[in-house]
Amino acid sequence: MTFAQILGHERQKEVLRRALKQDRLAHAYLFSGPEGVGKRLMALALARAVFCLEGTGCGSCVACRKVDHMNHPDLHLVEPDGASIKIDQVRHLQKDLSLRPSEAKRKVCVIDEIDKIGIAAGNALLKTLEEPSGEALFILLTPRPEAVLQTIRSRCQPLAFARLARELMFETLKRQLELDETKAHILTALSDGSFKKALGRDRELFLEKRIELLKSLTALSPRSIIPLFDFAETLSGKESDRATQQEILEIFQAFYRDLLLFRHGRSEEELINIDLMEKIRRVAGRESIPSLLTKIEALENARRQIARNANSQLVMETLLLRLAS
């Protein structure tokens, strides 16, 4: 994918195009921003432009096609091995970078989720960043720049990426996925500017499974504890990793936000679950504004606990007891 084919991020494209044209690329960049907004696509587009035989990232020459297929010998991609980027991965990269480029004028190294690099691995990488080879370009990617080691951040030129505009997401999803306006609206709102969410596994969760999840949620009662605990077990089961649990909690938050807005008399266009208006009217009728605020706060607290690797079943049980009250 070329710069021109990437949706949005016009300022970032211009920064990189100008640096390429003036032959003033930094030796290391830190691309930061929400997951799934195009940081990795932009990194590969930059690699393509560096390797391109035409010098433009044309997308059609042999070098560009090799980048597209991730088999260019001078392109190195490092991702977490399990929960972190390990020192053996950095040492292997350093060995590769010690050799001259095979086909291009320089090597390009893309390190995804640099915030997950271990201390030892980070210190090893730091030595390479402090004494960069003129033949190596580093592009580090992260959704959490504050979690990246300060010593690494200070050696990189930062380039921040924002969430994609909702109007752009809506029109693109509607066209590419051939969705009706209601589904495009819901998918746009819940994916929150991330094409990775909208086009990946979350699509089914947001459009189909969401309805069943909210049906189960709104059927809970504090007088029927067994169904509540069963639902908590389902939400925290083996097939539900922590990323999925966070997405489910986002769905619940969006629903309670809709209830709150409805209670305040806001228009349907401002809501997310516009295909569930009957349910919103019914549930909102038995909730007060203070109770909705309390439940939204409980959801936010549950999300923080899941992010901190707390026992997910206990988190879900406690949350559902509060939401059912």
Protein backbone atom coordinates (compact mmCIF):
# COMPACT_ATOMS: atom_id res chain seq x y z
CA MET A 1 0.00 0.00 0.00
CA THR A 2 1.39 3.40 -1.00
CA PHE A 3 1.07 6.68 0.92
CA ALA A 4 -1.76 7.73 -1.40
CA GLN A 5 -3.72 4.54 -0.69
CA ILE A 6 -3.69 5.00 3.09
CA LEU A 7 -6.83 6.70 4.36
CA GLY A 8 -6.37 9.86 6.38
CA HIS A 9 -3.19 10.98 8.18
CA GLU A 10 -2.40 13.64 5.57
CA ARG A 11 -0.08 15.59 7.88
CA GLN A 12 1.98 12.50 8.66
CA LYS A 13 2.24 11.65 4.98
CA GLU A 14 3.45 15.15 4.18
CA VAL A 15 6.10 15.02 6.93
CA LEU A 16 7.50 11.74 5.58
CA ARG A 17 7.25 12.74 1.90
CA ARG A 18 9.13 15.96 2.61
CA ALA A 19 11.85 14.12 4.54
CA LEU A 20 12.23 11.63 1.68
CA LYS A 21 12.39 14.34 -0.96
CA GLN A 22 14.99 16.31 0.96
CA ASP A 23 16.92 13.14 1.93
CA ARG A 24 16.50 14.08 5.59
CA LEU A 25 14.88 11.00 7.09
CA ALA A 26 15.62 10.56 10.79
CA HIS A 27 17.48 7.37 11.69
CA ALA A 28 14.61 6.36 13.99
CA TYR A 29 10.91 7.25 14.23
CA LEU A 30 8.36 6.53 16.94
CA PHE A 31 4.89 6.21 15.40
CA SER A 32 2.37 6.45 18.24
CA GLY A 33 -1.41 6.40 18.32
CA PRO A 34 -4.46 4.16 18.88
CA GLU A 35 -4.39 0.57 17.66
CA GLY A 36 -5.55 -0.09 14.12
CA VAL A 37 -5.46 3.47 12.77
CA GLY A 38 -2.72 2.84 10.17
CA LYS A 39 0.66 3.20 11.90
CA ARG A 40 1.95 -0.11 10.55
CA LEU A 41 0.62 0.62 7.07
CA MET A 42 2.42 3.96 7.16
CA ALA A 43 5.65 2.29 8.31
CA LEU A 44 5.50 -0.18 5.42
CA ALA A 45 4.66 2.62 2.98
CA LEU A 46 7.78 4.44 4.19
CA ALA A 47 9.86 1.28 3.77
CA ARG A 48 8.44 0.89 0.29
CA ALA A 49 9.42 4.45 -0.60
CA VAL A 50 12.96 3.86 0.72
CA PHE A 51 13.40 0.66 -1.30
CA CYS A 52 11.48 1.72 -4.43
CA LEU A 53 13.48 1.51 -7.66
CA GLU A 54 11.67 4.64 -8.87
CA GLY A 55 12.32 6.44 -5.59
CA THR A 56 8.64 7.17 -5.06
CA GLY A 57 7.14 4.09 -3.45
CA CYS A 58 5.36 3.43 -6.73
CA GLY A 59 3.84 0.15 -5.60
CA SER A 60 4.54 -1.63 -8.88
CA CYS A 61 8.31 -2.15 -9.13
CA VAL A 62 10.02 -5.34 -7.93
CA ALA A 63 11.17 -3.77 -4.65
CA CYS A 64 7.69 -2.44 -3.84
CA ARG A 65 6.10 -5.79 -4.57
CA LYS A 66 8.58 -7.51 -2.25
CA VAL A 67 7.55 -5.19 0.57
CA ASP A 68 3.90 -5.95 -0.19
CA HIS A 69 4.66 -9.66 0.25
CA MET A 70 6.90 -9.05 3.29
CA ASN A 71 9.84 -10.82 1.66
CA HIS A 72 12.24 -7.96 0.94
CA PRO A 73 15.64 -9.08 2.32
CA ASP A 74 16.37 -5.62 3.75
CA LEU A 75 13.05 -5.28 5.60
CA HIS A 76 13.07 -6.57 9.17
CA LEU A 77 9.89 -6.86 11.24
CA VAL A 78 10.03 -7.46 14.99
CA GLU A 79 6.90 -8.23 17.02
CA PRO A 80 6.36 -9.41 20.60
CA ASP A 81 7.13 -13.08 21.12
CA GLY A 82 4.29 -13.89 23.47
CA ALA A 83 3.89 -11.11 26.02
CA SER A 84 7.06 -9.18 25.21
CA ILE A 85 9.90 -8.46 22.80
CA LYS A 86 12.80 -10.53 24.11
CA ILE A 87 16.53 -9.92 24.13
CA ASP A 88 17.20 -12.84 21.75
CA GLN A 89 15.03 -11.09 19.14
CA VAL A 90 17.05 -7.89 19.52
CA ARG A 91 20.34 -9.77 19.28
CA HIS A 92 19.16 -11.52 16.13
CA LEU A 93 18.18 -8.13 14.69
CA GLN A 94 21.55 -6.63 15.60
CA LYS A 95 23.29 -9.50 13.81
CA ASP A 96 21.21 -8.87 10.68
CA LEU A 97 21.86 -5.13 10.82
CA SER A 98 25.62 -5.69 11.10
CA LEU A 99 25.58 -6.94 7.50
CA ARG A 100 25.38 -4.68 4.47
CA PRO A 101 22.01 -4.32 2.71
CA SER A 102 21.33 -7.07 0.19
CA GLU A 103 19.42 -5.11 -2.46
CA ALA A 104 18.60 -1.60 -1.24
CA LYS A 105 20.77 1.29 -0.12
CA ARG A 106 19.76 0.80 3.50
CA LYS A 107 17.91 -1.59 5.78
CA VAL A 108 14.55 -0.80 7.38
CA CYS A 109 13.56 -2.25 10.73
CA VAL A 110 9.92 -2.02 11.89
CA ILE A 111 9.40 -2.88 15.57
CA ASP A 112 5.72 -3.26 16.47
CA GLU A 113 4.45 -2.75 20.03
CA ILE A 114 7.77 -1.34 21.22
CA ASP A 115 6.08 -0.63 24.57
CA LYS A 116 6.25 -4.40 25.21
CA ILE A 117 10.02 -4.63 25.03
CA GLY A 118 11.69 -6.05 28.13
CA ILE A 119 14.28 -4.08 30.11
CA ALA A 120 17.23 -6.19 28.96
CA ALA A 121 16.04 -6.16 25.36
CA GLY A 122 15.39 -2.41 25.56
CA ASN A 123 18.89 -1.74 26.81
CA ALA A 124 20.34 -3.85 24.02
CA LEU A 125 18.28 -2.01 21.42
CA LEU A 126 19.32 1.31 22.93
CA LYS A 127 22.94 0.63 22.04
CA THR A 128 21.96 0.22 18.41
CA LEU A 129 19.87 3.41 18.47
CA GLU A 130 22.71 5.36 20.13
CA GLU A 131 25.20 4.25 17.48
CA PRO A 132 22.99 3.96 14.39
CA SER A 133 24.37 2.60 11.18
CA GLY A 134 23.95 4.93 8.22
CA GLU A 135 22.39 1.98 6.45
CA ALA A 136 19.56 1.37 8.94
CA LEU A 137 16.20 3.09 9.46
CA PHE A 138 14.19 2.20 12.57
CA ILE A 139 10.41 2.67 12.75
CA LEU A 140 9.00 1.89 16.19
CA LEU A 141 5.24 1.52 16.65
CA THR A 142 3.19 1.83 19.82
CA PRO A 143 -0.36 2.60 21.00
CA ARG A 144 1.11 3.65 24.39
CA PRO A 145 4.06 6.03 23.98
CA GLU A 146 4.10 6.74 27.71
CA ALA A 147 4.96 3.05 28.31
CA VAL A 148 8.01 3.12 26.02
CA LEU A 149 11.35 3.38 27.80
CA GLN A 150 12.30 7.05 28.03
CA THR A 151 15.81 6.29 26.81
CA ILE A 152 14.37 4.78 23.62
CA ARG A 153 11.82 7.57 23.11
CA SER A 154 14.56 10.20 23.35
CA ARG A 155 16.46 8.60 20.44
CA CYS A 156 13.47 8.72 18.07
CA GLN A 157 11.66 11.42 16.16
CA PRO A 158 8.03 11.23 17.32
CA LEU A 159 5.15 11.15 14.88
CA ALA A 160 1.70 10.93 16.47
CA PHE A 161 -1.35 9.42 14.75
CA ALA A 162 -4.94 10.26 15.68
CA ARG A 163 -8.11 8.21 15.32
CA LEU A 164 -9.61 8.37 11.84
CA ALA A 165 -12.45 10.83 11.35
CA ARG A 166 -15.87 9.27 11.94
CA GLU A 167 -17.23 10.52 8.61
CA LEU A 168 -14.32 8.91 6.73
CA MET A 169 -14.78 5.64 8.63
CA PHE A 170 -18.53 5.62 8.01
CA GLU A 171 -18.30 6.15 4.26
CA THR A 172 -15.41 3.71 3.84
CA LEU A 173 -17.04 0.90 5.82
CA LYS A 174 -20.36 1.44 4.12
CA ARG A 175 -18.72 1.17 0.70
CA GLN A 176 -16.14 -1.57 1.30
CA LEU A 177 -18.34 -3.87 3.37
CA GLU A 178 -21.58 -2.99 1.57
CA LEU A 179 -23.32 -2.21 4.85
CA ASP A 180 -26.58 -0.39 5.30
CA GLU A 181 -26.43 2.94 7.11
CA THR A 182 -27.50 1.50 10.49
CA LYS A 183 -24.78 -1.17 10.55
CA ALA A 184 -22.18 1.28 9.21
CA HIS A 185 -23.14 3.73 11.97
CA ILE A 186 -22.82 1.09 14.72
CA LEU A 187 -19.56 -0.36 13.42
CA THR A 188 -18.05 3.11 13.01
CA ALA A 189 -19.01 4.14 16.54
CA LEU A 190 -17.82 0.97 18.28
CA SER A 191 -14.57 0.64 16.30
CA ASP A 192 -13.70 4.19 17.44
CA GLY A 193 -11.56 5.20 14.47
CA SER A 194 -9.75 1.87 14.15
CA PHE A 195 -9.98 -0.04 10.88
CA LYS A 196 -8.27 -2.97 12.61
CA LYS A 197 -11.32 -3.30 14.87
CA ALA A 198 -13.85 -2.63 12.15
CA LEU A 199 -12.41 -5.04 9.59
CA GLY A 200 -11.06 -7.72 11.93
CA ARG A 201 -12.62 -10.14 14.36
CA ASP A 202 -14.43 -7.34 16.18
CA ARG A 203 -16.76 -6.85 13.23
CA GLU A 204 -18.84 -9.91 14.12
CA LEU A 205 -18.69 -9.01 17.81
CA PHE A 206 -19.95 -5.48 17.19
CA LEU A 207 -22.67 -6.32 14.69
CA GLU A 208 -24.02 -9.77 15.60
CA LYS A 209 -22.81 -10.92 19.01
CA ARG A 210 -23.45 -7.47 20.52
CA ILE A 211 -27.21 -8.02 20.33
CA GLU A 212 -27.04 -11.34 22.20
CA LEU A 213 -24.64 -9.93 24.79
CA LEU A 214 -26.94 -6.98 25.53
CA LYS A 215 -29.96 -9.29 25.63
CA SER A 216 -28.24 -11.40 28.29
CA LEU A 217 -27.07 -8.34 30.19
CA THR A 218 -30.47 -6.67 30.40
CA ALA A 219 -32.13 -9.94 31.47
CA LEU A 220 -30.01 -10.20 34.64
CA SER A 221 -31.60 -9.81 38.04
CA PRO A 222 -30.00 -9.57 41.50
CA ARG A 223 -32.63 -12.08 42.64
CA SER A 224 -31.29 -14.73 40.20
CA ILE A 225 -27.63 -15.22 41.05
CA ILE A 226 -26.95 -18.44 39.10
CA PRO A 227 -27.66 -16.93 35.62
CA LEU A 228 -25.54 -13.93 36.61
CA PHE A 229 -22.56 -16.11 37.57
CA ASP A 230 -23.02 -18.23 34.44
CA PHE A 231 -22.90 -15.10 32.28
CA ALA A 232 -19.76 -13.91 34.12
CA GLU A 233 -18.14 -17.29 33.41
CA THR A 234 -19.05 -16.97 29.73
CA LEU A 235 -17.54 -13.50 29.51
CA SER A 236 -14.30 -14.62 31.16
CA GLY A 237 -14.09 -18.10 29.61
CA LYS A 238 -11.19 -19.68 27.76
CA GLU A 239 -12.43 -18.41 24.40
CA SER A 240 -12.52 -14.83 25.70
CA ASP A 241 -9.05 -13.28 25.90
CA ARG A 242 -8.47 -9.98 27.65
CA ALA A 243 -8.64 -7.99 24.44
CA THR A 244 -12.09 -9.48 23.73
CA GLN A 245 -13.17 -8.82 27.31
CA GLN A 246 -12.22 -5.17 26.89
CA GLU A 247 -14.25 -4.97 23.68
CA ILE A 248 -17.27 -6.51 25.42
CA LEU A 249 -16.99 -3.98 28.23
CA GLU A 250 -16.84 -1.23 25.60
CA ILE A 251 -20.11 -2.56 24.15
CA PHE A 252 -21.70 -2.45 27.60
CA GLN A 253 -20.37 1.07 28.19
CA ALA A 254 -21.77 2.24 24.87
CA PHE A 255 -25.17 0.82 25.79
CA TYR A 256 -25.29 2.58 29.17
CA ARG A 257 -24.06 5.77 27.52
CA ASP A 258 -27.01 5.47 25.12
CA LEU A 259 -29.37 5.05 28.09
CA LEU A 260 -27.92 8.15 29.72
CA LEU A 261 -28.24 10.24 26.58
CA PHE A 262 -31.78 8.98 26.04
CA ARG A 263 -32.72 9.96 29.60
CA HIS A 264 -31.36 13.44 28.84
CA GLY A 265 -33.62 13.67 25.78
CA ARG A 266 -30.90 13.56 23.14
CA SER A 267 -31.77 12.60 19.58
CA GLU A 268 -31.44 9.05 18.25
CA GLU A 269 -28.70 10.19 15.85
CA GLU A 270 -26.39 10.72 18.86
CA LEU A 271 -26.83 7.15 20.10
CA ILE A 272 -24.77 4.13 19.07
CA ASN A 273 -27.20 1.22 19.35
CA ILE A 274 -29.80 2.73 17.07
CA ASP A 275 -31.01 -0.73 16.06
CA LEU A 276 -32.06 -1.40 19.67
CA MET A 277 -34.25 1.62 20.32
CA GLU A 278 -37.10 -0.43 21.81
CA LYS A 279 -34.70 -1.98 24.33
CA ILE A 280 -33.17 1.42 25.10
CA ARG A 281 -36.60 2.92 25.83
CA ARG A 282 -37.60 -0.01 28.02
CA VAL A 283 -34.39 -0.21 30.07
CA ALA A 284 -34.03 3.57 30.39
CA GLY A 285 -37.51 3.66 31.90
CA ARG A 286 -36.35 1.69 34.95
CA GLU A 287 -33.04 3.51 35.44
CA SER A 288 -32.32 6.85 37.08
CA ILE A 289 -29.54 9.17 35.93
CA PRO A 290 -27.54 8.56 39.17
CA SER A 291 -27.84 4.78 38.72
CA LEU A 292 -26.62 5.03 35.11
CA LEU A 293 -23.63 7.13 36.14
CA THR A 294 -22.79 4.60 38.84
CA LYS A 295 -22.96 1.73 36.36
CA ILE A 296 -20.81 3.53 33.78
CA GLU A 297 -18.24 4.12 36.52
CA ALA A 298 -18.38 0.42 37.46
CA LEU A 299 -17.70 -0.51 33.83
CA GLU A 300 -14.72 1.84 33.65
CA ASN A 301 -13.34 0.34 36.87
CA ALA A 302 -13.76 -3.17 35.46
CA ARG A 303 -11.85 -2.21 32.33
CA ARG A 304 -8.98 -0.89 34.43
CA GLN A 305 -8.86 -4.13 36.43
CA ILE A 306 -8.86 -6.28 33.29
CA ALA A 307 -6.01 -4.16 31.90
CA ARG A 308 -4.08 -4.84 35.13
CA ASN A 309 -4.53 -8.62 34.71
CA ALA A 310 -6.89 -9.03 37.63
CA ASN A 311 -8.88 -12.28 37.90
CA SER A 312 -11.30 -11.77 35.03
CA GLN A 313 -14.09 -13.97 36.40
CA LEU A 314 -14.12 -12.15 39.74
CA VAL A 315 -14.08 -8.82 37.90
CA MET A 316 -17.03 -9.87 35.73
CA GLU A 317 -19.02 -11.27 38.66
CA THR A 318 -18.61 -8.09 40.68
CA LEU A 319 -19.44 -5.95 37.68
CA LEU A 320 -22.59 -7.87 36.75
CA LEU A 321 -23.86 -7.72 40.33
CA ARG A 322 -23.58 -3.93 40.14
CA LEU A 323 -25.15 -3.69 36.70
CA ALA A 324 -28.05 -5.94 37.67
CA SER A 325 -28.87 -3.98 40.83
